[in-house]
Amino acid sequence: MTGSQKNCFMAVASLRSYTKAAKQLHISQPAVTKQVQMLERDLRITLLERDKRTVQLTRNGEKFYHLIQRQDLEMNEFLDDARQYERSYCGTVRVGLLCGWNIHILHDHLLTDFKATYPNTQVQVVMHYFADLYRLLVEDEVDLVMTLQSMLPRDQQIQIRGIGTVRRTAAIANNHPLANKPDLDIRDLADEPFYIIQADEANWLYFRNNMQSEHGVDPMLSLVPNYPTQLTYIRNGRGVALLDEFCQKDSKEDYRMIPLNFSDKVVLARKNENVSSETQAVEDYIADFFKTHHGLGLL
């Protein structure tokens, strides 16, 4: 059934006249008649009965007429809802993600797949360390952050949503004297310097407390400016980089990873007052992405 066939039939059926239908559609009466006849032929049913004075719907014609009415109504309702939905997601959402985490796959999908679903919503991604993410959120410089729950101070104005967990880990270079020890344990490295990023005091305290309680090790923590510096230090064959499983590894073959006996909750955080539909849509997207990709594809 073509659009022309449907329009001609619906006009004749509602007006009960080929002449009036032709006038309404601004085409000739023979053209209307031809379109209706072609529709009946394609459907292989009779829709209209015509005598010298009136046009009547057959039993099948009556059912077909109401069917088209319902379909048109449902289509219009769908389009109204869809257009309202797209208009409601107009704006920019600023997302803070953690430096050092292997979130390139999430970053790329936020800017492609999410954009395809919400074409009127702009997503801006910024990369910072733990402490900076919290500060940016409190100061309204970002709308949403993905971080670790232990790195967020108690703050009643912040709403958090758990989306998974991540194991903490330690890394040494393969040229470290103990790298080939079969039963290597973190306690074997107790005399080594443990490198951690200095910008994140909460992370520093978190590692120290858990290393003491879970492994009986009081680590000699050495603060470094950033994640690449951590790896540069341990490449020299001495020292341990304290990381988590989401951290990037320039070359995994260059390091031996030692799982630690504690993990942390990965959360999405936003201010309570930020209830925009755009921010909620981005939050839901990241949570679902994290779940379906098993923790950014690394677990």
C-alpha atoms as a PDB file:
ATOM      1  CA  MET A   1       0.000   0.000   0.000  1.00  0.00           C
ATOM      2  CA  THR A   2       1.424   3.328  -1.063  1.00  0.00           C
ATOM      3  CA  GLY A   3       0.870   6.629   0.671  1.00  0.00           C
ATOM      4  CA  SER A   4      -1.246   7.871  -2.224  1.00  0.00           C
ATOM      5  CA  GLN A   5      -3.457   4.785  -2.114  1.00  0.00           C
ATOM      6  CA  LYS A   6      -3.995   5.157   1.630  1.00  0.00           C
ATOM      7  CA  ASN A   7      -4.743   8.881   1.421  1.00  0.00           C
ATOM      8  CA  CYS A   8      -7.263   8.442  -1.373  1.00  0.00           C
ATOM      9  CA  PHE A   9      -9.062   5.583   0.361  1.00  0.00           C
ATOM     10  CA  MET A  10      -9.230   7.397   3.719  1.00  0.00           C
ATOM     11  CA  ALA A  11     -10.573  10.567   2.066  1.00  0.00           C
ATOM     12  CA  VAL A  12     -13.289   8.676   0.138  1.00  0.00           C
ATOM     13  CA  ALA A  13     -14.198   6.586   3.190  1.00  0.00           C
ATOM     14  CA  SER A  14     -14.563   9.603   5.487  1.00  0.00           C
ATOM     15  CA  LEU A  15     -16.378  11.844   2.961  1.00  0.00           C
ATOM     16  CA  ARG A  16     -18.356   9.044   1.277  1.00  0.00           C
ATOM     17  CA  SER A  17     -17.670  10.713  -2.047  1.00  0.00           C
ATOM     18  CA  TYR A  18     -15.023  10.428  -4.755  1.00  0.00           C
ATOM     19  CA  THR A  19     -15.770  13.983  -5.878  1.00  0.00           C
ATOM     20  CA  LYS A  20     -15.330  15.495  -2.430  1.00  0.00           C
ATOM     21  CA  ALA A  21     -12.212  13.394  -1.840  1.00  0.00           C
ATOM     22  CA  ALA A  22     -10.685  14.626  -5.093  1.00  0.00           C
ATOM     23  CA  LYS A  23     -11.414  18.223  -4.137  1.00  0.00           C
ATOM     24  CA  GLN A  24      -9.895  17.762  -0.675  1.00  0.00           C
ATOM     25  CA  LEU A  25      -6.768  16.128  -2.086  1.00  0.00           C
ATOM     26  CA  HIS A  26      -6.473  18.606  -4.984  1.00  0.00           C
ATOM     27  CA  ILE A  27      -6.342  15.883  -7.626  1.00  0.00           C
ATOM     28  CA  SER A  28      -8.787  14.677 -10.275  1.00  0.00           C
ATOM     29  CA  GLN A  29     -11.640  12.314  -9.493  1.00  0.00           C
ATOM     30  CA  PRO A  30     -10.374   9.645 -11.955  1.00  0.00           C
ATOM     31  CA  ALA A  31      -7.018   9.723 -10.163  1.00  0.00           C
ATOM     32  CA  VAL A  32      -8.728   9.079  -6.826  1.00  0.00           C
ATOM     33  CA  THR A  33     -10.748   6.239  -8.318  1.00  0.00           C
ATOM     34  CA  LYS A  34      -7.634   4.676  -9.839  1.00  0.00           C
ATOM     35  CA  GLN A  35      -5.705   4.791  -6.545  1.00  0.00           C
ATOM     36  CA  VAL A  36      -8.563   3.114  -4.646  1.00  0.00           C
ATOM     37  CA  GLN A  37      -8.918   0.444  -7.308  1.00  0.00           C
ATOM     38  CA  MET A  38      -5.169  -0.251  -7.217  1.00  0.00           C
ATOM     39  CA  LEU A  39      -5.345  -0.567  -3.422  1.00  0.00           C
ATOM     40  CA  GLU A  40      -8.221  -3.062  -3.645  1.00  0.00           C
ATOM     41  CA  ARG A  41      -6.328  -5.025  -6.264  1.00  0.00           C
ATOM     42  CA  ASP A  42      -3.139  -5.114  -4.181  1.00  0.00           C
ATOM     43  CA  LEU A  43      -5.040  -6.163  -1.047  1.00  0.00           C
ATOM     44  CA  ARG A  44      -7.312  -8.510  -2.998  1.00  0.00           C
ATOM     45  CA  ILE A  45     -10.386  -7.339  -1.076  1.00  0.00           C
ATOM     46  CA  THR A  46     -13.290  -4.978  -1.852  1.00  0.00           C
ATOM     47  CA  LEU A  47     -13.258  -1.872   0.307  1.00  0.00           C
ATOM     48  CA  LEU A  48     -15.937   0.348  -1.219  1.00  0.00           C
ATOM     49  CA  GLU A  49     -19.337  -0.164  -2.833  1.00  0.00           C
ATOM     50  CA  ARG A  50     -20.539   2.599  -5.133  1.00  0.00           C
ATOM     51  CA  ASP A  51     -23.895   3.221  -6.725  1.00  0.00           C
ATOM     52  CA  LYS A  52     -25.130   6.269  -8.626  1.00  0.00           C
ATOM     53  CA  ARG A  53     -25.625   8.384  -5.507  1.00  0.00           C
ATOM     54  CA  THR A  54     -23.569   7.124  -2.575  1.00  0.00           C
ATOM     55  CA  VAL A  55     -20.319   5.433  -1.614  1.00  0.00           C
ATOM     56  CA  GLN A  56     -20.463   2.834   1.161  1.00  0.00           C
ATOM     57  CA  LEU A  57     -17.777   0.892   3.005  1.00  0.00           C
ATOM     58  CA  THR A  58     -17.912  -2.868   2.793  1.00  0.00           C
ATOM     59  CA  ARG A  59     -17.495  -4.951   5.964  1.00  0.00           C
ATOM     60  CA  ASN A  60     -13.784  -5.312   5.234  1.00  0.00           C
ATOM     61  CA  GLY A  61     -13.596  -1.675   4.191  1.00  0.00           C
ATOM     62  CA  GLU A  62     -15.009  -0.572   7.548  1.00  0.00           C
ATOM     63  CA  LYS A  63     -12.451  -2.666   9.460  1.00  0.00           C
ATOM     64  CA  PHE A  64      -9.630  -1.467   7.246  1.00  0.00           C
ATOM     65  CA  TYR A  65     -10.669   2.177   7.699  1.00  0.00           C
ATOM     66  CA  HIS A  66     -10.603   1.917  11.498  1.00  0.00           C
ATOM     67  CA  LEU A  67      -7.316   0.014  11.380  1.00  0.00           C
ATOM     68  CA  ILE A  68      -5.670   2.845   9.439  1.00  0.00           C
ATOM     69  CA  GLN A  69      -7.154   5.375  11.851  1.00  0.00           C
ATOM     70  CA  ARG A  70      -5.638   3.571  14.840  1.00  0.00           C
ATOM     71  CA  GLN A  71      -2.259   3.266  13.121  1.00  0.00           C
ATOM     72  CA  ASP A  72      -2.222   6.960  12.253  1.00  0.00           C
ATOM     73  CA  LEU A  73      -3.181   7.874  15.806  1.00  0.00           C
ATOM     74  CA  GLU A  74      -0.442   5.652  17.290  1.00  0.00           C
ATOM     75  CA  MET A  75       2.118   7.055  14.854  1.00  0.00           C
ATOM     76  CA  ASN A  76       1.204  10.633  15.771  1.00  0.00           C
ATOM     77  CA  GLU A  77       1.396   9.817  19.477  1.00  0.00           C
ATOM     78  CA  PHE A  78       4.791   8.215  18.964  1.00  0.00           C
ATOM     79  CA  LEU A  79       6.124  11.203  17.026  1.00  0.00           C
ATOM     80  CA  ASP A  80       4.837  13.666  19.616  1.00  0.00           C
ATOM     81  CA  ASP A  81       6.456  11.676  22.409  1.00  0.00           C
ATOM     82  CA  ALA A  82       9.712  11.196  20.492  1.00  0.00           C
ATOM     83  CA  ARG A  83      10.007  14.880  19.637  1.00  0.00           C
ATOM     84  CA  GLN A  84       9.242  15.925  23.200  1.00  0.00           C
ATOM     85  CA  TYR A  85      11.820  13.389  24.451  1.00  0.00           C
ATOM     86  CA  GLU A  86      14.537  14.748  22.176  1.00  0.00           C
ATOM     87  CA  ARG A  87      13.708  18.340  23.056  1.00  0.00           C
ATOM     88  CA  SER A  88      13.987  17.478  26.766  1.00  0.00           C
ATOM     89  CA  TYR A  89      17.580  16.282  26.346  1.00  0.00           C
ATOM     90  CA  CYS A  90      19.092  19.511  25.090  1.00  0.00           C
ATOM     91  CA  GLY A  91      22.172  20.767  26.889  1.00  0.00           C
ATOM     92  CA  THR A  92      25.744  20.009  27.874  1.00  0.00           C
ATOM     93  CA  VAL A  93      26.878  17.472  30.470  1.00  0.00           C
ATOM     94  CA  ARG A  94      30.420  17.791  31.817  1.00  0.00           C
ATOM     95  CA  VAL A  95      31.854  14.460  32.942  1.00  0.00           C
ATOM     96  CA  GLY A  96      34.960  14.040  35.068  1.00  0.00           C
ATOM     97  CA  LEU A  97      36.945  10.833  34.636  1.00  0.00           C
ATOM     98  CA  LEU A  98      40.078   9.686  36.410  1.00  0.00           C
ATOM     99  CA  CYS A  99      43.547  10.204  34.972  1.00  0.00           C
ATOM    100  CA  GLY A 100      45.342   6.884  34.658  1.00  0.00           C
ATOM    101  CA  TRP A 101      42.229   4.771  34.239  1.00  0.00           C
ATOM    102  CA  ASN A 102      41.861   2.872  31.020  1.00  0.00           C
ATOM    103  CA  ILE A 103      38.633   4.628  30.090  1.00  0.00           C
ATOM    104  CA  HIS A 104      39.343   5.329  26.426  1.00  0.00           C
ATOM    105  CA  ILE A 105      36.659   2.865  25.363  1.00  0.00           C
ATOM    106  CA  LEU A 106      34.096   4.595  27.603  1.00  0.00           C
ATOM    107  CA  HIS A 107      35.248   8.024  26.446  1.00  0.00           C
ATOM    108  CA  ASP A 108      34.876   7.077  22.790  1.00  0.00           C
ATOM    109  CA  HIS A 109      31.422   5.568  23.247  1.00  0.00           C
ATOM    110  CA  LEU A 110      30.213   8.593  25.203  1.00  0.00           C
ATOM    111  CA  LEU A 111      31.106  10.767  22.242  1.00  0.00           C
ATOM    112  CA  THR A 112      29.689   8.426  19.570  1.00  0.00           C
ATOM    113  CA  ASP A 113      26.984   5.983  20.692  1.00  0.00           C
ATOM    114  CA  PHE A 114      25.538   8.293  23.325  1.00  0.00           C
ATOM    115  CA  LYS A 115      25.554  11.168  20.858  1.00  0.00           C
ATOM    116  CA  ALA A 116      23.660   9.031  18.346  1.00  0.00           C
ATOM    117  CA  THR A 117      20.941   8.333  20.928  1.00  0.00           C
ATOM    118  CA  TYR A 118      20.807  11.885  22.288  1.00  0.00           C
ATOM    119  CA  PRO A 119      21.810  14.085  19.342  1.00  0.00           C
ATOM    120  CA  ASN A 120      20.929  17.305  21.158  1.00  0.00           C
ATOM    121  CA  THR A 121      23.032  16.571  24.239  1.00  0.00           C
ATOM    122  CA  GLN A 122      26.682  17.592  24.257  1.00  0.00           C
ATOM    123  CA  VAL A 123      29.098  15.608  26.445  1.00  0.00           C
ATOM    124  CA  GLN A 124      32.363  17.176  27.559  1.00  0.00           C
ATOM    125  CA  VAL A 125      34.914  14.876  29.218  1.00  0.00           C
ATOM    126  CA  VAL A 126      37.727  16.106  31.450  1.00  0.00           C
ATOM    127  CA  MET A 127      40.468  14.030  33.051  1.00  0.00           C
ATOM    128  CA  HIS A 128      41.708  14.706  36.588  1.00  0.00           C
ATOM    129  CA  TYR A 129      43.021  12.977  39.703  1.00  0.00           C
ATOM    130  CA  PHE A 130      40.824  11.947  42.638  1.00  0.00           C
ATOM    131  CA  ALA A 131      41.063  15.156  44.656  1.00  0.00           C
ATOM    132  CA  ASP A 132      40.495  17.347  41.622  1.00  0.00           C
ATOM    133  CA  LEU A 133      37.389  15.393  40.600  1.00  0.00           C
ATOM    134  CA  TYR A 134      35.747  16.060  43.964  1.00  0.00           C
ATOM    135  CA  ARG A 135      36.720  19.725  43.920  1.00  0.00           C
ATOM    136  CA  LEU A 136      35.386  20.226  40.389  1.00  0.00           C
ATOM    137  CA  LEU A 137      32.107  18.568  41.354  1.00  0.00           C
ATOM    138  CA  VAL A 138      31.612  20.707  44.475  1.00  0.00           C
ATOM    139  CA  GLU A 139      32.493  23.878  42.575  1.00  0.00           C
ATOM    140  CA  ASP A 140      30.017  23.033  39.775  1.00  0.00           C
ATOM    141  CA  GLU A 141      32.718  22.800  37.139  1.00  0.00           C
ATOM    142  CA  VAL A 142      31.564  19.286  36.225  1.00  0.00           C
ATOM    143  CA  ASP A 143      28.121  17.703  36.472  1.00  0.00           C
ATOM    144  CA  LEU A 144      29.111  14.075  37.045  1.00  0.00           C
ATOM    145  CA  VAL A 145      32.259  12.167  38.015  1.00  0.00           C
ATOM    146  CA  MET A 146      33.234   8.517  37.987  1.00  0.00           C
ATOM    147  CA  THR A 147      35.582   7.766  40.864  1.00  0.00           C
ATOM    148  CA  LEU A 148      36.145   5.487  43.861  1.00  0.00           C
ATOM    149  CA  GLN A 149      33.874   5.751  46.866  1.00  0.00           C
ATOM    150  CA  SER A 150      36.816   5.770  49.275  1.00  0.00           C
ATOM    151  CA  MET A 151      38.160   8.895  47.554  1.00  0.00           C
ATOM    152  CA  LEU A 152      35.024  10.920  48.292  1.00  0.00           C
ATOM    153  CA  PRO A 153      34.801  12.661  51.666  1.00  0.00           C
ATOM    154  CA  ARG A 154      31.518  12.507  53.545  1.00  0.00           C
ATOM    155  CA  ASP A 155      29.412  15.205  51.963  1.00  0.00           C
ATOM    156  CA  GLN A 156      25.642  15.429  52.259  1.00  0.00           C
ATOM    157  CA  GLN A 157      25.397  17.528  49.115  1.00  0.00           C
ATOM    158  CA  ILE A 158      26.865  14.717  46.988  1.00  0.00           C
ATOM    159  CA  GLN A 159      24.770  11.811  45.753  1.00  0.00           C
ATOM    160  CA  ILE A 160      26.642   8.640  44.823  1.00  0.00           C
ATOM    161  CA  ARG A 161      25.607   5.586  42.823  1.00  0.00           C
ATOM    162  CA  GLY A 162      27.620   2.383  43.024  1.00  0.00           C
ATOM    163  CA  ILE A 163      28.218   0.733  39.647  1.00  0.00           C
ATOM    164  CA  GLY A 164      30.792  -1.963  40.449  1.00  0.00           C
ATOM    165  CA  THR A 165      34.049  -2.774  42.199  1.00  0.00           C
ATOM    166  CA  VAL A 166      37.741  -2.688  41.328  1.00  0.00           C
ATOM    167  CA  ARG A 167      40.578  -4.660  42.878  1.00  0.00           C
ATOM    168  CA  ARG A 168      43.610  -2.805  44.164  1.00  0.00           C
ATOM    169  CA  THR A 169      46.946  -4.045  42.915  1.00  0.00           C
ATOM    170  CA  ALA A 170      50.686  -3.445  43.111  1.00  0.00           C
ATOM    171  CA  ALA A 171      53.084  -3.447  40.172  1.00  0.00           C
ATOM    172  CA  ILE A 172      56.799  -4.088  39.906  1.00  0.00           C
ATOM    173  CA  ALA A 173      58.934  -4.113  36.786  1.00  0.00           C
ATOM    174  CA  ASN A 174      59.988  -7.412  35.256  1.00  0.00           C
ATOM    175  CA  ASN A 175      63.611  -6.434  35.843  1.00  0.00           C
ATOM    176  CA  HIS A 176      63.018  -6.226  39.591  1.00  0.00           C
ATOM    177  CA  PRO A 177      65.153  -8.764  41.522  1.00  0.00           C
ATOM    178  CA  LEU A 178      62.014 -10.444  42.915  1.00  0.00           C
ATOM    179  CA  ALA A 179      59.943 -10.386  39.719  1.00  0.00           C
ATOM    180  CA  ASN A 180      60.506 -14.098  38.995  1.00  0.00           C
ATOM    181  CA  LYS A 181      59.805 -15.332  42.514  1.00  0.00           C
ATOM    182  CA  PRO A 182      57.010 -17.940  42.077  1.00  0.00           C
ATOM    183  CA  ASP A 183      55.164 -17.245  45.301  1.00  0.00           C
ATOM    184  CA  LEU A 184      55.790 -13.528  45.401  1.00  0.00           C
ATOM    185  CA  ASP A 185      53.770 -11.789  48.087  1.00  0.00           C
ATOM    186  CA  ILE A 186      53.424  -8.119  48.871  1.00  0.00           C
ATOM    187  CA  ARG A 187      55.155  -8.786  52.199  1.00  0.00           C
ATOM    188  CA  ASP A 188      58.295  -9.689  50.240  1.00  0.00           C
ATOM    189  CA  LEU A 189      58.376  -6.077  49.092  1.00  0.00           C
ATOM    190  CA  ALA A 190      57.918  -4.512  52.520  1.00  0.00           C
ATOM    191  CA  ASP A 191      61.317  -2.767  52.362  1.00  0.00           C
ATOM    192  CA  GLU A 192      60.644  -1.253  48.938  1.00  0.00           C
ATOM    193  CA  PRO A 193      59.430   2.303  48.356  1.00  0.00           C
ATOM    194  CA  PHE A 194      55.745   2.315  47.406  1.00  0.00           C
ATOM    195  CA  TYR A 195      55.005   5.057  44.879  1.00  0.00           C
ATOM    196  CA  ILE A 196      51.665   6.833  44.950  1.00  0.00           C
ATOM    197  CA  ILE A 197      50.369  10.038  43.365  1.00  0.00           C
ATOM    198  CA  GLN A 198      50.858  12.951  45.729  1.00  0.00           C
ATOM    199  CA  ALA A 199      47.764  14.896  44.623  1.00  0.00           C
ATOM    200  CA  ASP A 200      45.474  12.356  46.248  1.00  0.00           C
ATOM    201  CA  GLU A 201      45.980  12.371  49.994  1.00  0.00           C
ATOM    202  CA  ALA A 202      42.829  10.290  50.531  1.00  0.00           C
ATOM    203  CA  ASN A 203      44.201   7.589  48.240  1.00  0.00           C
ATOM    204  CA  TRP A 204      47.517   7.714  50.120  1.00  0.00           C
ATOM    205  CA  LEU A 205      45.758   7.144  53.463  1.00  0.00           C
ATOM    206  CA  TYR A 206      43.514   4.466  51.968  1.00  0.00           C
ATOM    207  CA  PHE A 207      46.464   2.397  50.756  1.00  0.00           C
ATOM    208  CA  ARG A 208      48.419   2.789  53.970  1.00  0.00           C
ATOM    209  CA  ASN A 209      45.531   1.749  56.220  1.00  0.00           C
ATOM    210  CA  ASN A 210      44.597  -1.258  54.104  1.00  0.00           C
ATOM    211  CA  MET A 211      48.181  -2.416  53.607  1.00  0.00           C
ATOM    212  CA  GLN A 212      48.586  -2.462  57.361  1.00  0.00           C
ATOM    213  CA  SER A 213      45.277  -4.163  58.147  1.00  0.00           C
ATOM    214  CA  GLU A 214      45.117  -6.643  55.244  1.00  0.00           C
ATOM    215  CA  HIS A 215      48.786  -7.482  54.658  1.00  0.00           C
ATOM    216  CA  GLY A 216      50.569  -6.519  57.874  1.00  0.00           C
ATOM    217  CA  VAL A 217      52.841  -4.190  55.921  1.00  0.00           C
ATOM    218  CA  ASP A 218      53.586  -0.609  56.962  1.00  0.00           C
ATOM    219  CA  PRO A 219      54.544   0.736  53.542  1.00  0.00           C
ATOM    220  CA  MET A 220      57.222   3.322  52.984  1.00  0.00           C
ATOM    221  CA  LEU A 221      55.086   5.558  50.805  1.00  0.00           C
ATOM    222  CA  SER A 222      56.823   7.837  48.340  1.00  0.00           C
ATOM    223  CA  LEU A 223      54.787  10.537  46.640  1.00  0.00           C
ATOM    224  CA  VAL A 224      55.160  11.168  42.908  1.00  0.00           C
ATOM    225  CA  PRO A 225      53.458  13.818  40.755  1.00  0.00           C
ATOM    226  CA  ASN A 226      51.543  11.562  38.375  1.00  0.00           C
ATOM    227  CA  TYR A 227      50.882   8.078  37.042  1.00  0.00           C
ATOM    228  CA  PRO A 228      53.627   8.039  34.349  1.00  0.00           C
ATOM    229  CA  THR A 229      56.182   8.927  37.006  1.00  0.00           C
ATOM    230  CA  GLN A 230      55.107   5.889  39.027  1.00  0.00           C
ATOM    231  CA  LEU A 231      55.928   3.612  36.122  1.00  0.00           C
ATOM    232  CA  THR A 232      59.163   5.443  35.330  1.00  0.00           C
ATOM    233  CA  TYR A 233      60.402   4.860  38.872  1.00  0.00           C
ATOM    234  CA  ILE A 234      59.667   1.137  38.950  1.00  0.00           C
ATOM    235  CA  ARG A 235      61.140   0.599  35.467  1.00  0.00           C
ATOM    236  CA  ASN A 236      64.484   1.249  37.108  1.00  0.00           C
ATOM    237  CA  GLY A 237      64.097  -2.084  38.883  1.00  0.00           C
ATOM    238  CA  ARG A 238      63.274  -0.815  42.331  1.00  0.00           C
ATOM    239  CA  GLY A 239      60.050   0.142  44.031  1.00  0.00           C
ATOM    240  CA  VAL A 240      56.361  -0.687  43.775  1.00  0.00           C
ATOM    241  CA  ALA A 241      53.587   1.253  42.058  1.00  0.00           C
ATOM    242  CA  LEU A 242      50.306   1.155  43.977  1.00  0.00           C
ATOM    243  CA  LEU A 243      47.505   1.066  41.405  1.00  0.00           C
ATOM    244  CA  ASP A 244      44.148  -0.489  40.705  1.00  0.00           C
ATOM    245  CA  GLU A 245      43.039  -2.837  37.957  1.00  0.00           C
ATOM    246  CA  PHE A 246      41.681  -0.031  35.773  1.00  0.00           C
ATOM    247  CA  CYS A 247      45.007   1.750  35.504  1.00  0.00           C
ATOM    248  CA  GLN A 248      46.576   1.871  32.084  1.00  0.00           C
ATOM    249  CA  LYS A 249      49.629  -0.253  31.429  1.00  0.00           C
ATOM    250  CA  ASP A 250      51.778   1.009  28.584  1.00  0.00           C
ATOM    251  CA  SER A 251      53.027  -2.534  28.161  1.00  0.00           C
ATOM    252  CA  LYS A 252      51.558  -5.152  30.467  1.00  0.00           C
ATOM    253  CA  GLU A 253      54.444  -7.462  29.656  1.00  0.00           C
ATOM    254  CA  ASP A 254      56.840  -5.032  31.371  1.00  0.00           C
ATOM    255  CA  TYR A 255      55.285  -5.437  34.815  1.00  0.00           C
ATOM    256  CA  ARG A 256      54.282  -8.096  37.277  1.00  0.00           C
ATOM    257  CA  MET A 257      50.967  -7.368  38.925  1.00  0.00           C
ATOM    258  CA  ILE A 258      50.430  -8.435  42.541  1.00  0.00           C
ATOM    259  CA  PRO A 259      46.765  -8.490  43.644  1.00  0.00           C
ATOM    260  CA  LEU A 260      46.074  -6.957  47.029  1.00  0.00           C
ATOM    261  CA  ASN A 261      43.491  -8.203  49.508  1.00  0.00           C
ATOM    262  CA  PHE A 262      41.193  -5.243  49.229  1.00  0.00           C
ATOM    263  CA  SER A 263      38.972  -3.684  46.608  1.00  0.00           C
ATOM    264  CA  ASP A 264      36.986  -0.515  46.239  1.00  0.00           C
ATOM    265  CA  LYS A 265      33.565   0.501  44.995  1.00  0.00           C
ATOM    266  CA  VAL A 266      33.380   2.384  41.713  1.00  0.00           C
ATOM    267  CA  VAL A 267      30.756   5.128  41.903  1.00  0.00           C
ATOM    268  CA  LEU A 268      29.154   7.891  39.912  1.00  0.00           C
ATOM    269  CA  ALA A 269      28.773  11.088  41.919  1.00  0.00           C
ATOM    270  CA  ARG A 270      26.815  14.281  41.351  1.00  0.00           C
ATOM    271  CA  LYS A 271      25.407  17.047  43.480  1.00  0.00           C
ATOM    272  CA  ASN A 272      21.934  16.420  44.871  1.00  0.00           C
ATOM    273  CA  GLU A 273      20.633  19.553  43.222  1.00  0.00           C
ATOM    274  CA  ASN A 274      21.710  18.399  39.770  1.00  0.00           C
ATOM    275  CA  VAL A 275      18.582  16.594  38.630  1.00  0.00           C
ATOM    276  CA  SER A 276      18.667  17.500  34.942  1.00  0.00           C
ATOM    277  CA  SER A 277      17.416  14.874  32.534  1.00  0.00           C
ATOM    278  CA  GLU A 278      20.635  15.186  30.525  1.00  0.00           C
ATOM    279  CA  THR A 279      22.856  14.382  33.507  1.00  0.00           C
ATOM    280  CA  GLN A 280      20.614  11.474  34.483  1.00  0.00           C
ATOM    281  CA  ALA A 281      20.814  10.105  30.937  1.00  0.00           C
ATOM    282  CA  VAL A 282      24.620  10.240  30.955  1.00  0.00           C
ATOM    283  CA  GLU A 283      24.719   8.641  34.414  1.00  0.00           C
ATOM    284  CA  ASP A 284      22.454   5.788  33.291  1.00  0.00           C
ATOM    285  CA  TYR A 285      24.521   5.302  30.143  1.00  0.00           C
ATOM    286  CA  ILE A 286      27.831   5.040  32.031  1.00  0.00           C
ATOM    287  CA  ALA A 287      26.352   2.665  34.625  1.00  0.00           C
ATOM    288  CA  ASP A 288      24.985   0.386  31.918  1.00  0.00           C
ATOM    289  CA  PHE A 289      28.210   0.597  29.907  1.00  0.00           C
ATOM    290  CA  PHE A 290      30.289  -0.311  32.966  1.00  0.00           C
ATOM    291  CA  LYS A 291      28.057  -3.319  33.634  1.00  0.00           C
ATOM    292  CA  THR A 292      27.893  -4.652  30.070  1.00  0.00           C
ATOM    293  CA  HIS A 293      31.647  -4.181  29.523  1.00  0.00           C
ATOM    294  CA  HIS A 294      32.547  -5.945  32.792  1.00  0.00           C
ATOM    295  CA  GLY A 295      34.316  -3.005  34.330  1.00  0.00           C
ATOM    296  CA  LEU A 296      35.606  -1.231  31.217  1.00  0.00           C
ATOM    297  CA  GLY A 297      36.574  -4.533  29.626  1.00  0.00           C
ATOM    298  CA  LEU A 298      39.421  -5.211  32.032  1.00  0.00           C
ATOM    299  CA  LEU A 299      37.859  -7.625  34.524  1.00  0.00           C
END
